[in-house]
């Protein structure tokens, strides 16, 4: 993938991995647009990154996704890179009677939105040279953590969708790239609940080094090990990771 001279949309770009990717795209002479649900976080990001463009959008909503696509293609007709990064990770007790709206929103943000946005943007991206759809999945796509079951299921599904999308688009100008993070120190679950894992800047630097090499699947640390493990290795890792939740 070309890492300079692009027009890039990053969903969930106001914080965490999305913000770190936005910083690095902006530093490489790309036009960068980020979207997110919280206008205050987008404004903070805009103050930190020179020339950044922001759009308030809840990608859980199909209507807002369609409005986002129409606005971005109208205001930034040169857009050639979509980064599906927005994600929700919630700890859930599957034996509890949880309100479906919360579960449905997690599925919508993590899985429905990347699929829908990829479909909506594809005709436009196919008309551009050096275009790409970049999906951010997770090392938990391969070894689920039982206390965040919906997140893991959606990321496993997004990994599968990415492979199918890459195959279907192999004869088009659109490159399909998967970024597979390990646990990264961000506010993924909520402020103060995900303060562990790899430093976000260390991870984002690795991603860009691999993008510059033309890699189409980029994993790091434990996510790299999980994405390449055998079934027996995955089963052993699952037991070890989840032993404390019994």
Protein backbone atom coordinates (compact mmCIF):
# COMPACT_ATOMS: atom_id res chain seq x y z
CA UNK A 1 0.00 0.00 0.00
CA UNK A 2 1.17 3.51 -0.77
CA UNK A 3 1.55 5.40 2.53
CA UNK A 4 1.80 8.96 1.16
CA UNK A 5 -0.43 11.07 -1.04
CA UNK A 6 -3.69 9.39 -0.01
CA UNK A 7 -7.03 10.68 1.18
CA UNK A 8 -7.88 8.45 4.15
CA UNK A 9 -11.03 7.96 6.23
CA UNK A 10 -10.51 6.31 9.63
CA UNK A 11 -13.55 5.27 11.66
CA UNK A 12 -13.13 5.55 15.41
CA UNK A 13 -10.16 7.84 14.83
CA UNK A 14 -10.54 10.05 17.89
CA UNK A 15 -8.58 7.84 20.26
CA UNK A 16 -6.59 4.64 20.62
CA UNK A 17 -5.32 2.80 17.56
CA UNK A 18 -7.39 4.93 15.19
CA UNK A 19 -5.86 8.14 16.50
CA UNK A 20 -2.34 6.69 16.35
CA UNK A 21 -2.90 5.68 12.71
CA UNK A 22 -4.31 9.14 11.94
CA UNK A 23 -1.18 10.75 13.37
CA UNK A 24 1.07 8.65 11.16
CA UNK A 25 -0.97 9.11 8.01
CA UNK A 26 -1.04 12.87 8.58
CA UNK A 27 2.74 12.94 9.11
CA UNK A 28 3.21 11.30 5.69
CA UNK A 29 1.45 13.98 3.64
CA UNK A 30 -1.95 12.32 3.48
CA UNK A 31 -5.31 14.05 3.78
CA UNK A 32 -6.90 12.43 6.85
CA UNK A 33 -10.55 12.37 7.89
CA UNK A 34 -11.64 10.71 11.12
CA UNK A 35 -15.13 9.99 12.39
CA UNK A 36 -16.54 9.05 15.75
CA UNK A 37 -19.57 9.42 17.97
CA UNK A 38 -18.12 12.00 20.38
CA UNK A 39 -17.58 15.49 19.05
CA UNK A 40 -15.38 16.44 22.02
CA UNK A 41 -12.92 13.61 21.30
CA UNK A 42 -12.82 14.55 17.64
CA UNK A 43 -12.11 18.16 18.55
CA UNK A 44 -9.26 17.05 20.84
CA UNK A 45 -7.81 15.02 17.97
CA UNK A 46 -8.17 17.98 15.62
CA UNK A 47 -6.19 20.17 18.01
CA UNK A 48 -3.40 17.55 18.10
CA UNK A 49 -3.07 16.82 14.37
CA UNK A 50 -2.54 19.67 11.95
CA UNK A 51 -4.93 19.64 8.99
CA UNK A 52 -7.12 16.85 10.38
CA UNK A 53 -10.74 16.72 9.24
CA UNK A 54 -13.50 15.33 11.47
CA UNK A 55 -17.06 14.07 11.03
CA UNK A 56 -19.39 13.16 13.89
CA UNK A 57 -20.96 9.81 13.04
CA UNK A 58 -22.29 6.81 14.93
CA UNK A 59 -21.33 3.94 12.65
CA UNK A 60 -23.77 1.68 14.52
CA UNK A 61 -26.53 3.41 12.54
CA UNK A 62 -27.04 2.36 8.88
CA UNK A 63 -28.46 5.77 8.07
CA UNK A 64 -25.50 7.58 9.59
CA UNK A 65 -23.14 5.29 7.68
CA UNK A 66 -24.84 6.25 4.43
CA UNK A 67 -24.70 9.95 5.34
CA UNK A 68 -21.00 9.59 6.19
CA UNK A 69 -20.21 8.05 2.81
CA UNK A 70 -22.16 10.70 0.93
CA UNK A 71 -20.53 13.53 2.85
CA UNK A 72 -17.00 12.21 2.55
CA UNK A 73 -17.30 11.49 -1.18
CA UNK A 74 -18.77 14.95 -1.72
CA UNK A 75 -16.24 16.87 0.39
CA UNK A 76 -13.23 14.65 -0.36
CA UNK A 77 -13.76 13.14 -3.82
CA UNK A 78 -10.16 11.93 -3.90
CA UNK A 79 -10.72 9.52 -1.01
CA UNK A 80 -8.93 6.27 -1.82
CA UNK A 81 -8.38 4.58 1.55
CA UNK A 82 -10.99 3.38 4.05
CA UNK A 83 -9.79 2.22 7.47
CA UNK A 84 -12.50 0.32 9.36
CA UNK A 85 -11.18 0.76 12.88
CA UNK A 86 -14.13 1.67 15.15
CA UNK A 87 -14.76 -0.95 17.81
CA UNK A 88 -16.54 -1.67 21.07
CA UNK A 89 -15.34 -4.25 23.58
CA UNK A 90 -17.60 -5.11 26.51
CA UNK A 91 -17.28 -7.59 29.34
CA UNK A 92 -20.45 -9.69 29.33
CA UNK A 93 -21.87 -12.45 31.52
CA UNK A 94 -23.70 -14.61 28.99
CA UNK A 95 -25.88 -16.09 31.76
CA UNK A 96 -27.38 -12.67 32.54
CA UNK A 97 -30.47 -11.28 30.85
CA UNK A 98 -28.81 -8.32 29.15
CA UNK A 99 -30.69 -5.71 27.13
CA UNK A 100 -30.22 -6.75 23.49
CA UNK A 101 -29.75 -3.15 22.38
CA UNK A 102 -26.29 -3.07 23.97
CA UNK A 103 -25.25 -6.34 22.35
CA UNK A 104 -26.75 -5.30 19.05
CA UNK A 105 -24.82 -2.03 19.10
CA UNK A 106 -21.55 -3.87 19.69
CA UNK A 107 -22.24 -6.15 16.72
CA UNK A 108 -23.26 -3.18 14.56
CA UNK A 109 -20.11 -1.17 15.27
CA UNK A 110 -17.64 -4.05 15.08
CA UNK A 111 -19.04 -6.04 12.16
CA UNK A 112 -22.01 -4.51 10.37
CA UNK A 113 -20.30 -1.14 9.91
CA UNK A 114 -17.11 -2.46 8.23
CA UNK A 115 -19.14 -4.67 5.89
CA UNK A 116 -21.60 -1.92 5.01
CA UNK A 117 -18.96 0.80 4.58
CA UNK A 118 -16.85 -1.49 2.41
CA UNK A 119 -19.84 -2.11 0.15
CA UNK A 120 -20.84 1.56 0.03
CA UNK A 121 -17.34 2.84 -0.72
CA UNK A 122 -16.27 0.10 -3.14
CA UNK A 123 -17.58 1.59 -6.42
CA UNK A 124 -15.80 4.86 -5.65
CA UNK A 125 -12.58 3.20 -4.48
CA UNK A 126 -12.54 0.98 -7.58
CA UNK A 127 -12.28 4.12 -9.70
CA UNK A 128 -9.09 5.22 -7.93
CA UNK A 129 -5.52 4.05 -8.29
CA UNK A 130 -3.70 2.86 -5.17
CA UNK A 131 -6.95 2.39 -3.26
CA UNK A 132 -7.36 0.22 -0.17
CA UNK A 133 -9.80 -1.06 2.41
CA UNK A 134 -8.07 -1.65 5.73
CA UNK A 135 -9.90 -3.69 8.38
CA UNK A 136 -8.69 -3.69 11.98
CA UNK A 137 -9.49 -7.05 13.54
CA UNK A 138 -7.80 -8.55 16.63
CA UNK A 139 -5.62 -11.34 17.90
CA UNK A 140 -8.83 -12.41 19.66
CA UNK A 141 -10.17 -13.32 16.22
CA UNK A 142 -8.16 -16.53 16.61
CA UNK A 143 -8.22 -17.15 20.39
CA UNK A 144 -11.31 -15.71 22.09
CA UNK A 145 -11.27 -14.23 25.58
CA UNK A 146 -14.40 -15.59 27.20
CA UNK A 147 -15.34 -12.48 29.17
CA UNK A 148 -15.61 -10.36 25.99
CA UNK A 149 -17.46 -12.92 23.83
CA UNK A 150 -19.33 -10.64 21.45
CA UNK A 151 -16.22 -8.61 20.66
CA UNK A 152 -14.26 -11.79 19.91
CA UNK A 153 -17.05 -13.20 17.75
CA UNK A 154 -17.35 -10.01 15.71
CA UNK A 155 -13.60 -9.78 15.17
CA UNK A 156 -13.44 -13.43 14.08
CA UNK A 157 -16.24 -12.71 11.62
CA UNK A 158 -14.47 -9.57 10.36
CA UNK A 159 -11.28 -11.59 9.80
CA UNK A 160 -13.31 -14.06 7.72
CA UNK A 161 -15.04 -11.27 5.81
CA UNK A 162 -11.69 -9.63 5.06
CA UNK A 163 -10.34 -12.82 3.51
CA UNK A 164 -13.44 -13.17 1.32
CA UNK A 165 -13.38 -9.49 0.38
CA UNK A 166 -9.72 -9.72 -0.63
CA UNK A 167 -10.51 -12.69 -2.87
CA UNK A 168 -13.51 -11.03 -4.50
CA UNK A 169 -11.60 -7.79 -5.14
CA UNK A 170 -8.35 -9.40 -6.35
CA UNK A 171 -8.95 -8.29 -9.93
CA UNK A 172 -9.88 -4.71 -8.97
CA UNK A 173 -7.63 -1.77 -8.03
CA UNK A 174 -8.71 -2.07 -4.38
CA UNK A 175 -6.17 -3.66 -2.05
CA UNK A 176 -7.61 -5.33 1.07
CA UNK A 177 -5.43 -5.17 4.16
CA UNK A 178 -5.97 -6.64 7.62
CA UNK A 179 -4.39 -5.18 10.75
CA UNK A 180 -4.39 -7.64 13.66
CA UNK A 181 -3.56 -5.98 16.99
CA UNK A 182 -2.65 -7.80 20.19
CA UNK A 183 -3.85 -6.29 23.46
CA UNK A 184 -2.94 -2.60 23.11
CA UNK A 185 -2.94 -0.06 25.93
CA UNK A 186 -5.98 2.05 24.95
CA UNK A 187 -9.39 2.96 26.39
CA UNK A 188 -11.09 0.28 24.30
CA UNK A 189 -13.51 -0.95 26.97
CA UNK A 190 -13.78 2.39 28.81
CA UNK A 191 -11.35 4.86 30.37
CA UNK A 192 -9.27 3.01 32.95
CA UNK A 193 -10.45 -0.51 32.04
CA UNK A 194 -7.94 -1.40 29.31
CA UNK A 195 -4.68 0.01 30.65
CA UNK A 196 -2.54 -2.97 29.65
CA UNK A 197 -0.92 -4.40 26.57
CA UNK A 198 1.50 -3.10 23.97
CA UNK A 199 2.14 0.63 23.80
CA UNK A 200 -0.12 2.08 21.11
CA UNK A 201 2.69 4.06 19.46
CA UNK A 202 4.91 0.97 19.33
CA UNK A 203 2.12 -0.92 17.60
CA UNK A 204 1.27 1.88 15.15
CA UNK A 205 4.93 2.29 14.20
CA UNK A 206 5.08 -1.43 13.44
CA UNK A 207 1.94 -1.19 11.29
CA UNK A 208 3.44 1.54 9.12
CA UNK A 209 6.72 -0.28 8.69
CA UNK A 210 4.77 -3.27 7.40
CA UNK A 211 2.54 -1.13 5.18
CA UNK A 212 5.66 0.35 3.60
CA UNK A 213 6.80 -3.19 2.82
CA UNK A 214 3.51 -3.90 1.02
CA UNK A 215 2.18 -6.38 3.57
CA UNK A 216 -1.55 -7.16 3.35
CA UNK A 217 -1.82 -8.87 6.75
CA UNK A 218 -0.13 -7.13 9.66
CA UNK A 219 -0.05 -8.71 13.11
CA UNK A 220 2.17 -8.06 16.11
CA UNK A 221 3.29 -9.84 19.25
CA UNK A 222 0.80 -12.35 20.62
CA UNK A 223 -1.56 -11.58 17.73
CA UNK A 224 1.12 -12.68 15.26
CA UNK A 225 1.60 -15.92 17.18
CA UNK A 226 -2.16 -16.54 17.33
CA UNK A 227 -2.71 -15.82 13.64
CA UNK A 228 -0.10 -18.44 12.71
CA UNK A 229 -0.80 -21.08 15.39
CA UNK A 230 -2.03 -24.64 14.85
CA UNK A 231 -5.41 -25.77 16.19
CA UNK A 232 -3.73 -27.59 19.09
CA UNK A 233 -1.75 -24.46 19.95
CA UNK A 234 -4.89 -22.33 19.79
CA UNK A 235 -6.76 -24.74 22.08
CA UNK A 236 -3.92 -24.67 24.61
CA UNK A 237 -3.78 -20.88 24.51
CA UNK A 238 -7.55 -20.64 24.94
CA UNK A 239 -7.43 -22.80 28.07
CA UNK A 240 -4.56 -20.80 29.52
CA UNK A 241 -6.06 -17.39 28.74
CA UNK A 242 -9.47 -18.22 30.15
CA UNK A 243 -8.54 -20.33 33.18
CA UNK A 244 -9.12 -17.40 35.54
CA UNK A 245 -12.73 -16.98 34.34
CA UNK A 246 -13.94 -20.40 35.50
